[in-house]
Amino acid sequence: MEQTAVRAWGNSQGIRIPKTIMESMSLNVNDVLDITVENDMIILKKAFRHKSFEERLSAYNGKISLCDFDWGDPAGKEMI
Protein backbone atom coordinates (compact mmCIF):
# COMPACT_ATOMS: atom_id res chain seq x y z
CA MET A 1 0.00 0.00 0.00
CA GLU A 2 1.27 3.43 -0.91
CA GLN A 3 0.30 6.68 0.75
CA THR A 4 -0.16 10.22 -0.47
CA ALA A 5 -1.14 13.48 1.22
CA VAL A 6 -3.88 15.97 0.44
CA ARG A 7 -2.24 19.28 -0.50
CA ALA A 8 -3.48 22.77 -1.31
CA TRP A 9 -3.66 23.38 -5.04
CA GLY A 10 -4.79 26.95 -5.68
CA ASN A 11 -8.29 27.30 -4.22
CA SER A 12 -8.75 23.51 -4.30
CA GLN A 13 -7.06 20.47 -2.84
CA GLY A 14 -5.27 17.71 -4.68
CA ILE A 15 -3.34 14.48 -4.31
CA ARG A 16 -0.40 13.16 -6.26
CA ILE A 17 -0.67 9.70 -7.72
CA PRO A 18 2.61 7.78 -7.47
CA LYS A 19 4.32 6.82 -10.72
CA THR A 20 4.03 3.10 -9.96
CA ILE A 21 0.25 3.37 -9.75
CA MET A 22 0.07 5.53 -12.88
CA GLU A 23 2.03 2.88 -14.77
CA SER A 24 0.08 -0.07 -13.39
CA MET A 25 -3.20 1.61 -14.43
CA SER A 26 -1.83 2.88 -17.77
CA LEU A 27 -2.79 6.41 -16.74
CA ASN A 28 -1.39 9.53 -18.36
CA VAL A 29 -1.39 13.19 -17.36
CA ASN A 30 -4.77 14.77 -18.20
CA ASP A 31 -6.64 11.43 -18.27
CA VAL A 32 -10.16 11.73 -16.88
CA LEU A 33 -11.11 9.70 -13.82
CA ASP A 34 -14.53 9.04 -12.29
CA ILE A 35 -14.57 9.65 -8.53
CA THR A 36 -17.02 8.15 -6.02
CA VAL A 37 -17.18 7.75 -2.27
CA GLU A 38 -18.22 4.42 -0.72
CA ASN A 39 -17.83 3.27 2.88
CA ASP A 40 -15.24 5.95 3.78
CA MET A 41 -13.26 5.18 0.61
CA ILE A 42 -12.51 7.51 -2.28
CA ILE A 43 -12.64 5.41 -5.44
CA LEU A 44 -11.01 6.60 -8.66
CA LYS A 45 -11.80 4.74 -11.90
CA LYS A 46 -10.77 5.35 -15.46
CA ALA A 47 -13.61 7.11 -17.22
CA PHE A 48 -15.10 5.27 -20.19
CA ARG A 49 -13.87 6.73 -23.43
CA HIS A 50 -14.98 5.77 -26.90
CA LYS A 51 -12.08 4.89 -29.16
CA SER A 52 -11.54 6.99 -32.25
CA PHE A 53 -11.89 5.44 -35.69
CA GLU A 54 -8.11 5.48 -36.05
CA GLU A 55 -7.66 3.68 -32.70
CA ARG A 56 -10.20 1.03 -33.69
CA LEU A 57 -8.61 0.62 -37.12
CA SER A 58 -5.12 0.20 -35.64
CA ALA A 59 -6.36 -2.89 -33.77
CA TYR A 60 -6.72 -4.63 -37.15
CA ASN A 61 -3.08 -4.00 -38.19
CA GLY A 62 -4.32 -2.81 -41.58
CA LYS A 63 -5.94 -6.16 -42.31
CA ILE A 64 -9.66 -5.78 -42.79
CA SER A 65 -11.42 -8.62 -44.50
CA LEU A 66 -14.93 -8.64 -45.83
CA CYS A 67 -16.83 -11.84 -45.43
CA ASP A 68 -20.34 -13.02 -46.08
CA PHE A 69 -22.54 -13.46 -43.05
CA ASP A 70 -25.26 -16.11 -43.04
CA TRP A 71 -28.39 -14.40 -41.74
CA GLY A 72 -30.44 -17.58 -42.19
CA ASP A 73 -33.31 -18.26 -44.53
CA PRO A 74 -35.67 -15.42 -45.48
CA ALA A 75 -38.53 -15.17 -43.00
CA GLY A 76 -40.73 -12.59 -44.67
CA LYS A 77 -40.85 -10.49 -47.83
CA GLU A 78 -37.13 -9.75 -48.02
CA MET A 79 -35.67 -9.15 -51.44
CA ILE A 80 -33.12 -11.72 -52.46
PDB file of N, CA and C in Angstrom:
ATOM      1  N   MET A   1       0.850  -1.176   0.000  1.00  0.00           N
ATOM      2  CA  MET A   1       0.000   0.000   0.000  1.00  0.00           C
ATOM      3  C   MET A   1       0.892   1.234   0.000  1.00  0.00           C
ATOM      4  N   GLU A   2       0.544   2.167  -0.865  1.00  0.00           N
ATOM      5  CA  GLU A   2       1.269   3.433  -0.907  1.00  0.00           C
ATOM      6  C   GLU A   2       0.409   4.506  -0.272  1.00  0.00           C
ATOM      7  N   GLN A   3       1.032   5.577   0.147  1.00  0.00           N
ATOM      8  CA  GLN A   3       0.297   6.682   0.751  1.00  0.00           C
ATOM      9  C   GLN A   3       0.605   7.973   0.010  1.00  0.00           C
ATOM     10  N   THR A   4      -0.333   8.888   0.091  1.00  0.00           N
ATOM     11  CA  THR A   4      -0.155  10.221  -0.465  1.00  0.00           C
ATOM     12  C   THR A   4      -0.872  11.202   0.455  1.00  0.00           C
ATOM     13  N   ALA A   5      -0.541  12.465   0.346  1.00  0.00           N
ATOM     14  CA  ALA A   5      -1.135  13.482   1.224  1.00  0.00           C
ATOM     15  C   ALA A   5      -2.018  14.417   0.412  1.00  0.00           C
ATOM     16  N   VAL A   6      -3.038  14.949   1.056  1.00  0.00           N
ATOM     17  CA  VAL A   6      -3.883  15.968   0.440  1.00  0.00           C
ATOM     18  C   VAL A   6      -3.153  17.299   0.592  1.00  0.00           C
ATOM     19  N   ARG A   7      -2.978  18.021  -0.500  1.00  0.00           N
ATOM     20  CA  ARG A   7      -2.241  19.282  -0.501  1.00  0.00           C
ATOM     21  C   ARG A   7      -3.109  20.394  -1.097  1.00  0.00           C
ATOM     22  N   ALA A   8      -2.814  21.612  -0.716  1.00  0.00           N
ATOM     23  CA  ALA A   8      -3.479  22.769  -1.312  1.00  0.00           C
ATOM     24  C   ALA A   8      -3.023  22.894  -2.762  1.00  0.00           C
ATOM     25  N   TRP A   9      -3.965  23.221  -3.626  1.00  0.00           N
ATOM     26  CA  TRP A   9      -3.662  23.383  -5.041  1.00  0.00           C
ATOM     27  C   TRP A   9      -4.520  24.542  -5.519  1.00  0.00           C
ATOM     28  N   GLY A  10      -4.009  25.749  -5.392  1.00  0.00           N
ATOM     29  CA  GLY A  10      -4.793  26.946  -5.681  1.00  0.00           C
ATOM     30  C   GLY A  10      -5.906  27.063  -4.656  1.00  0.00           C
ATOM     31  N   ASN A  11      -7.134  27.235  -5.120  1.00  0.00           N
ATOM     32  CA  ASN A  11      -8.289  27.299  -4.225  1.00  0.00           C
ATOM     33  C   ASN A  11      -8.889  25.918  -3.966  1.00  0.00           C
ATOM     34  N   SER A  12      -8.253  24.875  -4.459  1.00  0.00           N
ATOM     35  CA  SER A  12      -8.752  23.508  -4.297  1.00  0.00           C
ATOM     36  C   SER A  12      -7.731  22.686  -3.522  1.00  0.00           C
ATOM     37  N   GLN A  13      -7.997  21.400  -3.435  1.00  0.00           N
ATOM     38  CA  GLN A  13      -7.055  20.472  -2.839  1.00  0.00           C
ATOM     39  C   GLN A  13      -6.773  19.371  -3.859  1.00  0.00           C
ATOM     40  N   GLY A  14      -5.625  18.756  -3.729  1.00  0.00           N
ATOM     41  CA  GLY A  14      -5.272  17.705  -4.675  1.00  0.00           C
ATOM     42  C   GLY A  14      -4.397  16.656  -4.034  1.00  0.00           C
ATOM     43  N   ILE A  15      -4.266  15.543  -4.726  1.00  0.00           N
ATOM     44  CA  ILE A  15      -3.344  14.484  -4.308  1.00  0.00           C
ATOM     45  C   ILE A  15      -2.444  14.167  -5.488  1.00  0.00           C
ATOM     46  N   ARG A  16      -1.293  13.625  -5.209  1.00  0.00           N
ATOM     47  CA  ARG A  16      -0.397  13.165  -6.260  1.00  0.00           C
ATOM     48  C   ARG A  16      -0.502  11.657  -6.324  1.00  0.00           C
ATOM     49  N   ILE A  17      -0.598  11.142  -7.527  1.00  0.00           N
ATOM     50  CA  ILE A  17      -0.669   9.695  -7.716  1.00  0.00           C
ATOM     51  C   ILE A  17       0.740   9.207  -8.035  1.00  0.00           C
ATOM     52  N   PRO A  18       1.253   8.267  -7.238  1.00  0.00           N
ATOM     53  CA  PRO A  18       2.612   7.777  -7.467  1.00  0.00           C
ATOM     54  C   PRO A  18       2.791   7.176  -8.865  1.00  0.00           C
ATOM     55  N   LYS A  19       3.991   7.297  -9.384  1.00  0.00           N
ATOM     56  CA  LYS A  19       4.322   6.824 -10.725  1.00  0.00           C
ATOM     57  C   LYS A  19       4.010   5.337 -10.892  1.00  0.00           C
ATOM     58  N   THR A  20       4.281   4.545  -9.860  1.00  0.00           N
ATOM     59  CA  THR A  20       4.034   3.100  -9.964  1.00  0.00           C
ATOM     60  C   THR A  20       2.556   2.802 -10.198  1.00  0.00           C
ATOM     61  N   ILE A  21       1.695   3.572  -9.552  1.00  0.00           N
ATOM     62  CA  ILE A  21       0.252   3.375  -9.747  1.00  0.00           C
ATOM     63  C   ILE A  21      -0.170   3.878 -11.122  1.00  0.00           C
ATOM     64  N   MET A  22       0.375   5.009 -11.547  1.00  0.00           N
ATOM     65  CA  MET A  22       0.073   5.532 -12.884  1.00  0.00           C
ATOM     66  C   MET A  22       0.421   4.488 -13.944  1.00  0.00           C
ATOM     67  N   GLU A  23       1.596   3.885 -13.796  1.00  0.00           N
ATOM     68  CA  GLU A  23       2.033   2.881 -14.768  1.00  0.00           C
ATOM     69  C   GLU A  23       1.177   1.629 -14.705  1.00  0.00           C
ATOM     70  N   SER A  24       0.853   1.168 -13.510  1.00  0.00           N
ATOM     71  CA  SER A  24       0.080  -0.070 -13.394  1.00  0.00           C
ATOM     72  C   SER A  24      -1.344   0.097 -13.928  1.00  0.00           C
ATOM     73  N   MET A  25      -1.865   1.330 -13.918  1.00  0.00           N
ATOM     74  CA  MET A  25      -3.205   1.608 -14.435  1.00  0.00           C
ATOM     75  C   MET A  25      -3.176   2.160 -15.858  1.00  0.00           C
ATOM     76  N   SER A  26      -2.001   2.282 -16.441  1.00  0.00           N
ATOM     77  CA  SER A  26      -1.834   2.879 -17.774  1.00  0.00           C
ATOM     78  C   SER A  26      -2.481   4.256 -17.839  1.00  0.00           C
ATOM     79  N   LEU A  27      -2.265   5.049 -16.790  1.00  0.00           N
ATOM     80  CA  LEU A  27      -2.787   6.408 -16.738  1.00  0.00           C
ATOM     81  C   LEU A  27      -1.762   7.388 -17.280  1.00  0.00           C
ATOM     82  N   ASN A  28      -2.243   8.456 -17.858  1.00  0.00           N
ATOM     83  CA  ASN A  28      -1.394   9.529 -18.360  1.00  0.00           C
ATOM     84  C   ASN A  28      -1.874  10.846 -17.779  1.00  0.00           C
ATOM     85  N   VAL A  29      -1.000  11.843 -17.797  1.00  0.00           N
ATOM     86  CA  VAL A  29      -1.387  13.185 -17.355  1.00  0.00           C
ATOM     87  C   VAL A  29      -2.566  13.646 -18.207  1.00  0.00           C
ATOM     88  N   ASN A  30      -3.545  14.253 -17.584  1.00  0.00           N
ATOM     89  CA  ASN A  30      -4.774  14.771 -18.204  1.00  0.00           C
ATOM     90  C   ASN A  30      -5.812  13.697 -18.513  1.00  0.00           C
ATOM     91  N   ASP A  31      -5.584  12.428 -18.138  1.00  0.00           N
ATOM     92  CA  ASP A  31      -6.635  11.427 -18.270  1.00  0.00           C
ATOM     93  C   ASP A  31      -7.773  11.803 -17.325  1.00  0.00           C
ATOM     94  N   VAL A  32      -8.982  11.441 -17.702  1.00  0.00           N
ATOM     95  CA  VAL A  32     -10.155  11.731 -16.884  1.00  0.00           C
ATOM     96  C   VAL A  32     -10.482  10.514 -16.031  1.00  0.00           C
ATOM     97  N   LEU A  33     -10.745  10.768 -14.742  1.00  0.00           N
ATOM     98  CA  LEU A  33     -11.112   9.703 -13.815  1.00  0.00           C
ATOM     99  C   LEU A  33     -12.488   9.984 -13.233  1.00  0.00           C
ATOM    100  N   ASP A  34     -13.266   8.923 -13.023  1.00  0.00           N
ATOM    101  CA  ASP A  34     -14.526   9.039 -12.293  1.00  0.00           C
ATOM    102  C   ASP A  34     -14.201   8.897 -10.815  1.00  0.00           C
ATOM    103  N   ILE A  35     -14.834   9.690  -9.962  1.00  0.00           N
ATOM    104  CA  ILE A  35     -14.568   9.645  -8.527  1.00  0.00           C
ATOM    105  C   ILE A  35     -15.881   9.407  -7.781  1.00  0.00           C
ATOM    106  N   THR A  36     -15.861   8.441  -6.864  1.00  0.00           N
ATOM    107  CA  THR A  36     -17.022   8.152  -6.021  1.00  0.00           C
ATOM    108  C   THR A  36     -16.544   7.939  -4.594  1.00  0.00           C
ATOM    109  N   VAL A  37     -17.489   8.012  -3.674  1.00  0.00           N
ATOM    110  CA  VAL A  37     -17.184   7.749  -2.268  1.00  0.00           C
ATOM    111  C   VAL A  37     -18.082   6.608  -1.803  1.00  0.00           C
ATOM    112  N   GLU A  38     -17.478   5.563  -1.239  1.00  0.00           N
ATOM    113  CA  GLU A  38     -18.217   4.417  -0.721  1.00  0.00           C
ATOM    114  C   GLU A  38     -17.565   3.948   0.571  1.00  0.00           C
ATOM    115  N   ASN A  39     -18.332   3.829   1.619  1.00  0.00           N
ATOM    116  CA  ASN A  39     -17.832   3.274   2.884  1.00  0.00           C
ATOM    117  C   ASN A  39     -16.504   3.906   3.319  1.00  0.00           C
ATOM    118  N   ASP A  40     -16.454   5.218   3.383  1.00  0.00           N
ATOM    119  CA  ASP A  40     -15.244   5.950   3.783  1.00  0.00           C
ATOM    120  C   ASP A  40     -14.059   5.723   2.843  1.00  0.00           C
ATOM    121  N   MET A  41     -14.325   5.361   1.593  1.00  0.00           N
ATOM    122  CA  MET A  41     -13.263   5.176   0.607  1.00  0.00           C
ATOM    123  C   MET A  41     -13.506   6.108  -0.571  1.00  0.00           C
ATOM    124  N   ILE A  42     -12.454   6.732  -1.042  1.00  0.00           N
ATOM    125  CA  ILE A  42     -12.513   7.509  -2.279  1.00  0.00           C
ATOM    126  C   ILE A  42     -12.070   6.560  -3.388  1.00  0.00           C
ATOM    127  N   ILE A  43     -12.929   6.364  -4.367  1.00  0.00           N
ATOM    128  CA  ILE A  43     -12.643   5.415  -5.438  1.00  0.00           C
ATOM    129  C   ILE A  43     -12.463   6.179  -6.739  1.00  0.00           C
ATOM    130  N   LEU A  44     -11.308   6.001  -7.368  1.00  0.00           N
ATOM    131  CA  LEU A  44     -11.010   6.603  -8.663  1.00  0.00           C
ATOM    132  C   LEU A  44     -11.010   5.503  -9.711  1.00  0.00           C
ATOM    133  N   LYS A  45     -11.756   5.711 -10.800  1.00  0.00           N
ATOM    134  CA  LYS A  45     -11.804   4.745 -11.901  1.00  0.00           C
ATOM    135  C   LYS A  45     -11.555   5.478 -13.202  1.00  0.00           C
ATOM    136  N   LYS A  46     -10.925   4.777 -14.135  1.00  0.00           N
ATOM    137  CA  LYS A  46     -10.765   5.352 -15.463  1.00  0.00           C
ATOM    138  C   LYS A  46     -12.149   5.606 -16.041  1.00  0.00           C
ATOM    139  N   ALA A  47     -12.336   6.784 -16.589  1.00  0.00           N
ATOM    140  CA  ALA A  47     -13.613   7.109 -17.219  1.00  0.00           C
ATOM    141  C   ALA A  47     -13.701   6.371 -18.547  1.00  0.00           C
ATOM    142  N   PHE A  48     -14.907   5.931 -18.905  1.00  0.00           N
ATOM    143  CA  PHE A  48     -15.103   5.266 -20.188  1.00  0.00           C
ATOM    144  C   PHE A  48     -14.881   6.275 -21.302  1.00  0.00           C
ATOM    145  N   ARG A  49     -14.149   5.858 -22.288  1.00  0.00           N
ATOM    146  CA  ARG A  49     -13.874   6.730 -23.428  1.00  0.00           C
ATOM    147  C   ARG A  49     -14.021   5.921 -24.699  1.00  0.00           C
ATOM    148  N   HIS A  50     -14.833   6.444 -25.617  1.00  0.00           N
ATOM    149  CA  HIS A  50     -14.975   5.775 -26.902  1.00  0.00           C
ATOM    150  C   HIS A  50     -13.665   5.897 -27.672  1.00  0.00           C
ATOM    151  N   LYS A  51     -13.276   4.841 -28.336  1.00  0.00           N
ATOM    152  CA  LYS A  51     -12.077   4.894 -29.164  1.00  0.00           C
ATOM    153  C   LYS A  51     -12.382   5.614 -30.463  1.00  0.00           C
ATOM    154  N   SER A  52     -11.380   6.321 -30.962  1.00  0.00           N
ATOM    155  CA  SER A  52     -11.541   6.995 -32.252  1.00  0.00           C
ATOM    156  C   SER A  52     -11.514   5.942 -33.363  1.00  0.00           C
ATOM    157  N   PHE A  53     -11.929   6.343 -34.544  1.00  0.00           N
ATOM    158  CA  PHE A  53     -11.893   5.439 -35.688  1.00  0.00           C
ATOM    159  C   PHE A  53     -10.473   4.944 -35.932  1.00  0.00           C
ATOM    160  N   GLU A  54      -9.505   5.852 -35.823  1.00  0.00           N
ATOM    161  CA  GLU A  54      -8.107   5.482 -36.050  1.00  0.00           C
ATOM    162  C   GLU A  54      -7.637   4.455 -35.012  1.00  0.00           C
ATOM    163  N   GLU A  55      -8.040   4.634 -33.735  1.00  0.00           N
ATOM    164  CA  GLU A  55      -7.660   3.675 -32.698  1.00  0.00           C
ATOM    165  C   GLU A  55      -8.287   2.308 -32.953  1.00  0.00           C
ATOM    166  N   ARG A  56      -9.542   2.310 -33.389  1.00  0.00           N
ATOM    167  CA  ARG A  56     -10.198   1.035 -33.692  1.00  0.00           C
ATOM    168  C   ARG A  56      -9.539   0.363 -34.902  1.00  0.00           C
ATOM    169  N   LEU A  57      -9.224   1.154 -35.916  1.00  0.00           N
ATOM    170  CA  LEU A  57      -8.614   0.620 -37.123  1.00  0.00           C
ATOM    171  C   LEU A  57      -7.232   0.043 -36.840  1.00  0.00           C
ATOM    172  N   SER A  58      -6.475   0.682 -35.939  1.00  0.00           N
ATOM    173  CA  SER A  58      -5.124   0.197 -35.643  1.00  0.00           C
ATOM    174  C   SER A  58      -5.143  -1.196 -35.006  1.00  0.00           C
ATOM    175  N   ALA A  59      -6.251  -1.566 -34.376  1.00  0.00           N
ATOM    176  CA  ALA A  59      -6.357  -2.890 -33.769  1.00  0.00           C
ATOM    177  C   ALA A  59      -6.371  -3.998 -34.828  1.00  0.00           C
ATOM    178  N   TYR A  60      -6.656  -3.647 -36.079  1.00  0.00           N
ATOM    179  CA  TYR A  60      -6.716  -4.628 -37.154  1.00  0.00           C
ATOM    180  C   TYR A  60      -5.394  -4.728 -37.921  1.00  0.00           C
ATOM    181  N   ASN A  61      -4.396  -3.971 -37.536  1.00  0.00           N
ATOM    182  CA  ASN A  61      -3.084  -4.002 -38.191  1.00  0.00           C
ATOM    183  C   ASN A  61      -3.193  -3.845 -39.707  1.00  0.00           C
ATOM    184  N   GLY A  62      -4.173  -3.051 -40.147  1.00  0.00           N
ATOM    185  CA  GLY A  62      -4.316  -2.808 -41.577  1.00  0.00           C
ATOM    186  C   GLY A  62      -4.935  -3.960 -42.331  1.00  0.00           C
ATOM    187  N   LYS A  63      -5.375  -4.987 -41.652  1.00  0.00           N
ATOM    188  CA  LYS A  63      -5.940  -6.159 -42.312  1.00  0.00           C
ATOM    189  C   LYS A  63      -7.430  -6.244 -42.017  1.00  0.00           C
ATOM    190  N   ILE A  64      -8.214  -5.687 -42.921  1.00  0.00           N
ATOM    191  CA  ILE A  64      -9.658  -5.777 -42.787  1.00  0.00           C
ATOM    192  C   ILE A  64     -10.157  -6.696 -43.888  1.00  0.00           C
ATOM    193  N   SER A  65     -10.888  -7.708 -43.493  1.00  0.00           N
ATOM    194  CA  SER A  65     -11.424  -8.624 -44.495  1.00  0.00           C
ATOM    195  C   SER A  65     -12.941  -8.532 -44.498  1.00  0.00           C
ATOM    196  N   LEU A  66     -13.485  -8.624 -45.687  1.00  0.00           N
ATOM    197  CA  LEU A  66     -14.927  -8.640 -45.828  1.00  0.00           C
ATOM    198  C   LEU A  66     -15.355 -10.089 -45.998  1.00  0.00           C
ATOM    199  N   CYS A  67     -16.360 -10.473 -45.294  1.00  0.00           N
ATOM    200  CA  CYS A  67     -16.831 -11.839 -45.426  1.00  0.00           C
ATOM    201  C   CYS A  67     -18.353 -11.840 -45.447  1.00  0.00           C
ATOM    202  N   ASP A  68     -18.893 -12.878 -46.054  1.00  0.00           N
ATOM    203  CA  ASP A  68     -20.341 -13.022 -46.077  1.00  0.00           C
ATOM    204  C   ASP A  68     -20.809 -13.499 -44.717  1.00  0.00           C
ATOM    205  N   PHE A  69     -21.969 -13.041 -44.318  1.00  0.00           N
ATOM    206  CA  PHE A  69     -22.540 -13.465 -43.049  1.00  0.00           C
ATOM    207  C   PHE A  69     -23.850 -14.164 -43.353  1.00  0.00           C
ATOM    208  N   ASP A  70     -24.039 -15.346 -42.815  1.00  0.00           N
ATOM    209  CA  ASP A  70     -25.259 -16.108 -43.035  1.00  0.00           C
ATOM    210  C   ASP A  70     -26.322 -15.638 -42.056  1.00  0.00           C
ATOM    211  N   TRP A  71     -27.300 -14.911 -42.570  1.00  0.00           N
ATOM    212  CA  TRP A  71     -28.387 -14.403 -41.737  1.00  0.00           C
ATOM    213  C   TRP A  71     -29.518 -15.419 -41.616  1.00  0.00           C
ATOM    214  N   GLY A  72     -29.375 -16.576 -42.233  1.00  0.00           N
ATOM    215  CA  GLY A  72     -30.435 -17.582 -42.192  1.00  0.00           C
ATOM    216  C   GLY A  72     -31.363 -17.435 -43.381  1.00  0.00           C
ATOM    217  N   ASP A  73     -32.346 -18.277 -43.432  1.00  0.00           N
ATOM    218  CA  ASP A  73     -33.311 -18.257 -44.531  1.00  0.00           C
ATOM    219  C   ASP A  73     -34.238 -17.055 -44.395  1.00  0.00           C
ATOM    220  N   PRO A  74     -34.727 -16.527 -45.529  1.00  0.00           N
ATOM    221  CA  PRO A  74     -35.667 -15.422 -45.480  1.00  0.00           C
ATOM    222  C   PRO A  74     -36.901 -15.807 -44.645  1.00  0.00           C
ATOM    223  N   ALA A  75     -37.388 -14.869 -43.853  1.00  0.00           N
ATOM    224  CA  ALA A  75     -38.525 -15.169 -42.996  1.00  0.00           C
ATOM    225  C   ALA A  75     -39.747 -14.337 -43.346  1.00  0.00           C
ATOM    226  N   GLY A  76     -39.623 -13.475 -44.326  1.00  0.00           N
ATOM    227  CA  GLY A  76     -40.731 -12.591 -44.671  1.00  0.00           C
ATOM    228  C   GLY A  76     -40.666 -12.222 -46.128  1.00  0.00           C
ATOM    229  N   LYS A  77     -40.841 -10.950 -46.434  1.00  0.00           N
ATOM    230  CA  LYS A  77     -40.851 -10.490 -47.825  1.00  0.00           C
ATOM    231  C   LYS A  77     -39.543  -9.800 -48.205  1.00  0.00           C
ATOM    232  N   GLU A  78     -38.429 -10.335 -47.681  1.00  0.00           N
ATOM    233  CA  GLU A  78     -37.134  -9.752 -48.018  1.00  0.00           C
ATOM    234  C   GLU A  78     -36.843  -9.940 -49.484  1.00  0.00           C
ATOM    235  N   MET A  79     -36.108  -9.007 -50.054  1.00  0.00           N
ATOM    236  CA  MET A  79     -35.673  -9.148 -51.444  1.00  0.00           C
ATOM    237  C   MET A  79     -34.402  -9.953 -51.454  1.00  0.00           C
ATOM    238  N   ILE A  80     -34.318 -10.883 -52.373  1.00  0.00           N
ATOM    239  CA  ILE A  80     -33.118 -11.720 -52.456  1.00  0.00           C
ATOM    240  C   ILE A  80     -32.360 -11.366 -53.689  1.00  0.00           C
TER     241      ILE A  80
END
